N, C-alpha and C. Protein backbone atom coordinates (compact mmCIF):
# COMPACT_ATOMS: atom_id res chain seq x y z
N UNK A 1 -63.27 -41.09 51.62
CA UNK A 1 -62.74 -42.42 51.43
C UNK A 1 -62.44 -43.03 52.80
N UNK A 2 -62.68 -44.31 52.94
CA UNK A 2 -62.50 -45.01 54.21
C UNK A 2 -61.02 -45.19 54.53
N UNK A 3 -60.66 -45.00 55.81
CA UNK A 3 -59.27 -45.19 56.24
C UNK A 3 -58.94 -46.69 56.22
N UNK A 4 -57.71 -47.01 55.89
CA UNK A 4 -57.27 -48.40 55.78
C UNK A 4 -56.62 -48.82 57.09
N UNK A 5 -57.14 -49.87 57.71
CA UNK A 5 -56.60 -50.41 58.95
C UNK A 5 -55.80 -51.67 58.60
N UNK A 6 -54.48 -51.55 58.63
CA UNK A 6 -53.63 -52.68 58.24
C UNK A 6 -53.80 -53.89 59.14
N UNK A 7 -54.08 -53.67 60.41
CA UNK A 7 -54.29 -54.81 61.31
C UNK A 7 -55.52 -55.63 60.92
N UNK A 8 -56.58 -54.94 60.51
CA UNK A 8 -57.77 -55.65 60.06
C UNK A 8 -57.53 -56.37 58.73
N UNK A 9 -56.77 -55.73 57.84
CA UNK A 9 -56.52 -56.32 56.53
C UNK A 9 -55.75 -57.63 56.62
N UNK A 10 -54.89 -57.76 57.61
CA UNK A 10 -54.09 -58.99 57.75
C UNK A 10 -54.96 -60.24 57.93
N UNK A 11 -56.13 -60.06 58.51
CA UNK A 11 -57.02 -61.19 58.78
C UNK A 11 -58.12 -61.36 57.75
N UNK A 12 -58.17 -60.45 56.80
CA UNK A 12 -59.24 -60.49 55.80
C UNK A 12 -58.92 -61.51 54.70
N UNK A 13 -59.97 -62.08 54.13
CA UNK A 13 -59.83 -63.00 53.01
C UNK A 13 -59.17 -62.27 51.85
N UNK A 14 -58.34 -62.95 51.08
CA UNK A 14 -57.64 -62.31 49.97
C UNK A 14 -58.29 -62.64 48.63
N UNK A 15 -58.02 -61.79 47.66
CA UNK A 15 -58.50 -61.96 46.30
C UNK A 15 -57.30 -61.77 45.37
N UNK A 16 -57.12 -62.65 44.42
CA UNK A 16 -56.03 -62.54 43.46
C UNK A 16 -56.54 -61.80 42.23
N UNK A 17 -55.79 -60.77 41.83
CA UNK A 17 -56.15 -60.03 40.62
C UNK A 17 -54.96 -60.07 39.67
N UNK A 18 -55.25 -60.08 38.40
CA UNK A 18 -54.18 -60.07 37.40
C UNK A 18 -53.90 -58.64 36.98
N UNK A 19 -52.65 -58.27 36.94
CA UNK A 19 -52.25 -56.93 36.53
C UNK A 19 -51.16 -57.06 35.48
N UNK A 20 -51.28 -56.29 34.43
CA UNK A 20 -50.29 -56.32 33.36
C UNK A 20 -49.44 -55.06 33.44
N UNK A 21 -48.11 -55.26 33.44
CA UNK A 21 -47.16 -54.15 33.49
C UNK A 21 -46.26 -54.22 32.27
N UNK A 22 -45.78 -53.06 31.81
CA UNK A 22 -44.75 -53.08 30.78
C UNK A 22 -43.51 -53.84 31.31
N UNK A 23 -42.77 -54.47 30.42
CA UNK A 23 -41.64 -55.31 30.84
C UNK A 23 -40.64 -54.53 31.68
N UNK A 24 -40.33 -53.30 31.31
CA UNK A 24 -39.34 -52.51 32.06
C UNK A 24 -39.83 -52.23 33.48
N UNK A 25 -41.13 -52.00 33.63
CA UNK A 25 -41.69 -51.75 34.95
C UNK A 25 -41.66 -53.04 35.79
N UNK A 26 -42.00 -54.15 35.18
CA UNK A 26 -41.97 -55.43 35.89
C UNK A 26 -40.54 -55.77 36.35
N UNK A 27 -39.57 -55.47 35.51
CA UNK A 27 -38.17 -55.71 35.87
C UNK A 27 -37.76 -54.82 37.03
N UNK A 28 -38.16 -53.56 37.00
CA UNK A 28 -37.84 -52.64 38.09
C UNK A 28 -38.48 -53.10 39.41
N UNK A 29 -39.71 -53.56 39.35
CA UNK A 29 -40.40 -54.08 40.54
C UNK A 29 -39.64 -55.28 41.09
N UNK A 30 -39.26 -56.19 40.21
CA UNK A 30 -38.51 -57.39 40.61
C UNK A 30 -37.20 -57.00 41.29
N UNK A 31 -36.47 -56.04 40.72
CA UNK A 31 -35.19 -55.62 41.28
C UNK A 31 -35.36 -54.97 42.65
N UNK A 32 -36.37 -54.13 42.78
CA UNK A 32 -36.61 -53.48 44.08
C UNK A 32 -37.01 -54.50 45.14
N UNK A 33 -37.85 -55.44 44.76
CA UNK A 33 -38.27 -56.47 45.71
C UNK A 33 -37.07 -57.30 46.15
N UNK A 34 -36.22 -57.67 45.19
CA UNK A 34 -35.01 -58.44 45.53
C UNK A 34 -34.09 -57.66 46.45
N UNK A 35 -33.94 -56.36 46.19
CA UNK A 35 -33.04 -55.55 47.03
C UNK A 35 -33.56 -55.44 48.46
N UNK A 36 -34.86 -55.56 48.63
CA UNK A 36 -35.46 -55.49 49.96
C UNK A 36 -35.74 -56.88 50.55
N UNK A 37 -35.34 -57.91 49.80
CA UNK A 37 -35.48 -59.30 50.24
C UNK A 37 -36.92 -59.68 50.56
N UNK A 38 -37.85 -59.21 49.72
CA UNK A 38 -39.26 -59.58 49.86
C UNK A 38 -39.78 -60.03 48.51
N UNK A 39 -40.95 -60.64 48.51
CA UNK A 39 -41.54 -61.11 47.25
C UNK A 39 -42.12 -59.93 46.47
N UNK A 40 -42.29 -60.14 45.18
CA UNK A 40 -42.90 -59.11 44.33
C UNK A 40 -44.27 -58.73 44.85
N UNK A 41 -45.07 -59.74 45.19
CA UNK A 41 -46.44 -59.44 45.63
C UNK A 41 -46.44 -58.64 46.93
N UNK A 42 -45.53 -58.95 47.84
CA UNK A 42 -45.44 -58.17 49.09
C UNK A 42 -45.02 -56.74 48.81
N UNK A 43 -44.07 -56.57 47.91
CA UNK A 43 -43.60 -55.23 47.56
C UNK A 43 -44.72 -54.43 46.92
N UNK A 44 -45.42 -55.05 45.96
CA UNK A 44 -46.53 -54.35 45.29
C UNK A 44 -47.64 -53.99 46.27
N UNK A 45 -47.98 -54.92 47.15
CA UNK A 45 -49.03 -54.67 48.13
C UNK A 45 -48.65 -53.48 49.02
N UNK A 46 -47.39 -53.44 49.45
CA UNK A 46 -46.93 -52.34 50.30
C UNK A 46 -47.00 -51.00 49.55
N UNK A 47 -46.61 -50.98 48.28
CA UNK A 47 -46.66 -49.75 47.49
C UNK A 47 -48.11 -49.29 47.30
N UNK A 48 -48.98 -50.22 46.97
CA UNK A 48 -50.40 -49.87 46.76
C UNK A 48 -51.00 -49.31 48.05
N UNK A 49 -50.75 -49.96 49.17
CA UNK A 49 -51.28 -49.47 50.45
C UNK A 49 -50.72 -48.09 50.80
N UNK A 50 -49.44 -47.87 50.54
CA UNK A 50 -48.83 -46.56 50.81
C UNK A 50 -49.49 -45.48 49.96
N UNK A 51 -49.76 -45.79 48.71
CA UNK A 51 -50.40 -44.81 47.82
C UNK A 51 -51.84 -44.55 48.25
N UNK A 52 -52.55 -45.56 48.66
CA UNK A 52 -53.92 -45.38 49.14
C UNK A 52 -53.94 -44.51 50.40
N UNK A 53 -53.02 -44.78 51.30
CA UNK A 53 -52.95 -43.98 52.53
C UNK A 53 -52.57 -42.54 52.22
N UNK A 54 -51.67 -42.34 51.26
CA UNK A 54 -51.27 -40.99 50.87
C UNK A 54 -52.46 -40.24 50.25
N UNK A 55 -53.26 -40.95 49.48
CA UNK A 55 -54.43 -40.33 48.86
C UNK A 55 -55.46 -39.93 49.92
N UNK A 56 -55.51 -40.69 51.02
CA UNK A 56 -56.46 -40.37 52.09
C UNK A 56 -56.00 -39.22 52.96
N UNK A 57 -54.73 -38.89 52.91
CA UNK A 57 -54.16 -37.83 53.78
C UNK A 57 -54.58 -36.44 53.33
């Protein structure tokens, strides 16, 4: 699997995808994002990137 370069990703064109979560999971994501003072999308993006990097390790 290809290594993810976060510096390159910052300049790459973005794509919006729809994801459906159970209500309890969506609420938990919202609460965690609020506690870290970031948007839901930023929080989710950070979690997904962390998981991808962990999978590559």
